[in-house]
N, C-alpha and C. Protein backbone atom coordinates (compact mmCIF):
# COMPACT_ATOMS: atom_id res chain seq x y z
N UNK A 1 -54.58 -140.61 38.36
CA UNK A 1 -55.32 -141.93 38.14
C UNK A 1 -56.70 -141.88 38.91
N UNK A 2 -56.70 -141.37 40.06
CA UNK A 2 -57.88 -141.37 40.91
C UNK A 2 -58.99 -140.62 40.28
N UNK A 3 -58.82 -139.49 39.55
CA UNK A 3 -59.73 -138.78 38.93
C UNK A 3 -60.29 -139.41 37.72
N UNK A 4 -59.50 -140.13 37.15
CA UNK A 4 -59.90 -140.82 35.78
C UNK A 4 -60.91 -141.94 36.12
N UNK A 5 -60.74 -142.57 37.35
CA UNK A 5 -61.70 -143.59 37.62
C UNK A 5 -63.22 -143.04 37.73
N UNK A 6 -63.27 -141.82 38.30
CA UNK A 6 -64.59 -141.12 38.49
C UNK A 6 -65.13 -140.84 37.02
N UNK A 7 -64.18 -140.20 36.29
CA UNK A 7 -64.78 -139.82 34.83
C UNK A 7 -65.16 -141.03 34.08
N UNK A 8 -64.37 -142.02 34.16
CA UNK A 8 -64.65 -143.32 33.38
C UNK A 8 -65.99 -143.90 33.96
N UNK A 9 -66.24 -143.80 35.12
CA UNK A 9 -67.53 -144.38 35.73
C UNK A 9 -68.77 -143.67 35.25
N UNK A 10 -68.49 -142.27 35.19
CA UNK A 10 -69.74 -141.36 34.92
C UNK A 10 -70.03 -141.58 33.39
N UNK A 11 -69.00 -141.65 32.47
CA UNK A 11 -69.22 -141.66 31.05
C UNK A 11 -69.06 -143.11 30.53
N UNK A 12 -69.02 -144.15 31.39
CA UNK A 12 -69.00 -145.59 31.02
C UNK A 12 -67.86 -145.86 29.90
N UNK A 13 -66.74 -145.28 30.27
CA UNK A 13 -65.48 -145.48 29.32
C UNK A 13 -64.55 -146.40 30.08
N UNK A 14 -64.22 -147.51 29.27
CA UNK A 14 -63.15 -148.25 29.95
C UNK A 14 -61.70 -147.71 29.59
N UNK A 15 -61.07 -147.43 30.68
CA UNK A 15 -59.68 -146.83 30.49
C UNK A 15 -58.64 -147.31 31.45
N UNK A 16 -57.63 -146.56 31.61
CA UNK A 16 -56.45 -146.84 32.42
C UNK A 16 -56.93 -146.82 33.91
N UNK A 17 -57.78 -145.85 34.38
CA UNK A 17 -58.22 -145.68 35.68
C UNK A 17 -58.99 -146.83 36.11
N UNK A 18 -59.97 -147.37 35.31
CA UNK A 18 -60.71 -148.55 35.77
C UNK A 18 -59.87 -149.71 35.76
N UNK A 19 -58.86 -149.81 34.83
CA UNK A 19 -57.98 -151.00 34.79
C UNK A 19 -57.10 -151.08 36.02
N UNK A 20 -56.67 -149.83 36.49
CA UNK A 20 -55.81 -149.76 37.71
C UNK A 20 -56.75 -150.08 38.91
N UNK A 21 -57.97 -149.62 39.04
CA UNK A 21 -58.75 -149.99 40.13
C UNK A 21 -59.13 -151.40 40.20
N UNK A 22 -59.35 -152.00 39.14
CA UNK A 22 -59.75 -153.44 39.04
C UNK A 22 -58.49 -154.28 39.47
N UNK A 23 -57.36 -153.78 38.97
CA UNK A 23 -55.98 -154.55 39.32
C UNK A 23 -55.73 -154.39 40.75
N UNK A 24 -55.98 -153.22 41.40
CA UNK A 24 -55.80 -153.03 42.77
C UNK A 24 -56.66 -153.96 43.63
N UNK A 25 -57.90 -154.01 43.24
CA UNK A 25 -58.92 -154.93 43.91
C UNK A 25 -58.53 -156.46 43.84
N UNK A 26 -58.01 -156.84 42.72
CA UNK A 26 -57.66 -158.31 42.43
C UNK A 26 -56.05 -158.41 42.84
N UNK A 27 -55.45 -157.45 43.19
CA UNK A 27 -54.01 -157.56 43.65
C UNK A 27 -53.15 -158.12 42.53
N UNK A 28 -53.36 -157.55 41.42
CA UNK A 28 -52.62 -157.90 40.07
C UNK A 28 -51.44 -156.88 40.04
N UNK A 29 -50.33 -157.23 40.63
CA UNK A 29 -49.22 -156.37 40.83
C UNK A 29 -48.49 -155.97 39.55
N UNK A 30 -48.39 -156.94 38.57
CA UNK A 30 -47.72 -156.52 37.26
C UNK A 30 -48.52 -155.44 36.57
N UNK A 31 -49.82 -155.53 36.59
CA UNK A 31 -50.66 -154.48 35.92
C UNK A 31 -50.49 -153.26 36.59
N UNK A 32 -50.52 -153.14 37.95
CA UNK A 32 -50.40 -151.99 38.70
C UNK A 32 -48.98 -151.34 38.43
N UNK A 33 -47.92 -152.12 38.44
CA UNK A 33 -46.55 -151.49 38.18
C UNK A 33 -46.46 -151.08 36.69
N UNK A 34 -47.12 -151.72 35.77
CA UNK A 34 -47.15 -151.21 34.39
C UNK A 34 -47.75 -149.92 34.22
N UNK A 35 -49.04 -149.73 34.81
CA UNK A 35 -49.72 -148.51 34.76
C UNK A 35 -48.94 -147.45 35.40
N UNK A 36 -48.26 -147.61 36.65
CA UNK A 36 -47.47 -146.67 37.26
C UNK A 36 -46.29 -146.22 36.52
N UNK A 37 -45.65 -147.19 35.75
CA UNK A 37 -44.52 -146.79 34.97
C UNK A 37 -44.97 -145.96 33.72
N UNK A 38 -46.12 -146.34 33.01
CA UNK A 38 -46.64 -145.59 32.01
C UNK A 38 -47.03 -144.17 32.44
N UNK A 39 -47.62 -144.11 33.58
CA UNK A 39 -47.88 -142.71 34.06
C UNK A 39 -46.78 -141.87 34.45
N UNK A 40 -45.77 -142.53 34.98
CA UNK A 40 -44.49 -141.75 35.29
C UNK A 40 -43.83 -141.33 33.92
N UNK A 41 -43.79 -142.13 33.09
CA UNK A 41 -43.18 -141.78 31.78
C UNK A 41 -43.81 -140.66 31.11
N UNK A 42 -45.21 -140.74 31.12
CA UNK A 42 -46.05 -139.65 30.47
C UNK A 42 -45.83 -138.40 31.28
N UNK A 43 -45.75 -138.38 32.52
CA UNK A 43 -45.57 -137.23 33.37
C UNK A 43 -44.19 -136.55 32.98
N UNK A 44 -43.23 -137.36 32.92
CA UNK A 44 -41.81 -136.99 32.67
C UNK A 44 -41.79 -136.35 31.25
N UNK A 45 -42.37 -137.09 30.20
CA UNK A 45 -42.38 -136.48 28.90
C UNK A 45 -43.16 -135.11 28.76
N UNK A 46 -44.26 -135.06 29.54
CA UNK A 46 -44.98 -133.81 29.47
C UNK A 46 -44.29 -132.63 30.13
N UNK A 47 -43.44 -132.96 31.13
CA UNK A 47 -42.69 -131.79 31.71
C UNK A 47 -41.48 -131.38 30.81
N UNK A 48 -40.90 -132.39 30.22
CA UNK A 48 -39.76 -132.03 29.29
C UNK A 48 -40.34 -131.26 28.27
N UNK A 49 -41.44 -131.65 27.61
CA UNK A 49 -42.15 -130.95 26.50
C UNK A 49 -42.53 -129.52 26.93
N UNK A 50 -42.91 -129.32 28.12
CA UNK A 50 -43.39 -128.04 28.62
C UNK A 50 -42.19 -127.15 28.85
N UNK A 51 -41.13 -127.71 29.22
CA UNK A 51 -39.81 -127.09 29.28
C UNK A 51 -39.32 -126.56 28.05
N UNK A 52 -39.32 -127.43 27.06
CA UNK A 52 -38.86 -126.98 25.79
C UNK A 52 -39.68 -126.02 25.06
N UNK A 53 -41.04 -126.02 25.22
CA UNK A 53 -41.86 -125.01 24.74
C UNK A 53 -41.65 -123.73 25.33
N UNK A 54 -41.37 -123.76 26.70
CA UNK A 54 -41.17 -122.47 27.49
C UNK A 54 -39.89 -121.88 27.00
N UNK A 55 -38.87 -122.75 26.80
CA UNK A 55 -37.63 -122.23 26.27
C UNK A 55 -37.72 -121.58 24.94
N UNK A 56 -38.55 -122.13 24.12
CA UNK A 56 -38.75 -121.64 22.64
C UNK A 56 -39.59 -120.30 22.69
N UNK A 57 -40.63 -120.30 23.56
CA UNK A 57 -41.41 -119.13 23.50
C UNK A 57 -40.92 -117.85 24.33
N UNK A 58 -40.25 -118.09 25.46
CA UNK A 58 -39.86 -117.11 26.35
C UNK A 58 -38.51 -116.51 25.99
N UNK A 59 -38.47 -115.32 25.53
CA UNK A 59 -37.09 -114.65 25.19
C UNK A 59 -36.23 -114.44 26.35
N UNK A 60 -36.73 -114.48 27.60
CA UNK A 60 -35.82 -114.21 28.73
C UNK A 60 -34.89 -115.36 28.91
N UNK A 61 -35.13 -116.50 28.59
CA UNK A 61 -34.22 -117.63 28.80
C UNK A 61 -33.33 -117.80 27.63
N UNK A 62 -33.42 -117.04 26.54
CA UNK A 62 -32.53 -117.10 25.45
C UNK A 62 -31.25 -116.19 25.70
N UNK A 63 -31.35 -115.19 26.56
CA UNK A 63 -30.29 -114.34 26.90
C UNK A 63 -29.20 -115.07 27.76
N UNK A 64 -27.99 -115.02 27.48
CA UNK A 64 -26.87 -115.53 28.24
C UNK A 64 -26.48 -114.53 29.33
N UNK A 65 -26.61 -115.03 30.55
CA UNK A 65 -26.18 -114.15 31.64
C UNK A 65 -24.99 -114.67 32.16
N UNK A 66 -23.94 -113.81 32.34
CA UNK A 66 -22.67 -114.22 33.01
C UNK A 66 -22.75 -113.81 34.53
N UNK A 67 -22.30 -114.84 35.24
CA UNK A 67 -22.08 -114.60 36.68
C UNK A 67 -20.92 -114.03 36.97
N UNK A 68 -20.99 -112.87 37.72
CA UNK A 68 -19.63 -112.12 38.09
C UNK A 68 -19.67 -112.20 39.59
N UNK A 69 -18.46 -112.30 40.14
CA UNK A 69 -18.27 -112.46 41.50
C UNK A 69 -17.62 -111.12 42.07
């Protein structure tokens, strides 16, 4: 979120970073919590998607290894 504020200021784009910054300055807690929840969900979705792609592309994970003691 911090880096997006800088990019949005340089290119004059209104986005989530600027919205978060303005909400923090005005202490608009529902907006701040909403942005944090959206960011957490997108991060979780990206990690799950990356794991699924890795599972599909990497043949090492397809082999079943049995643990012997």
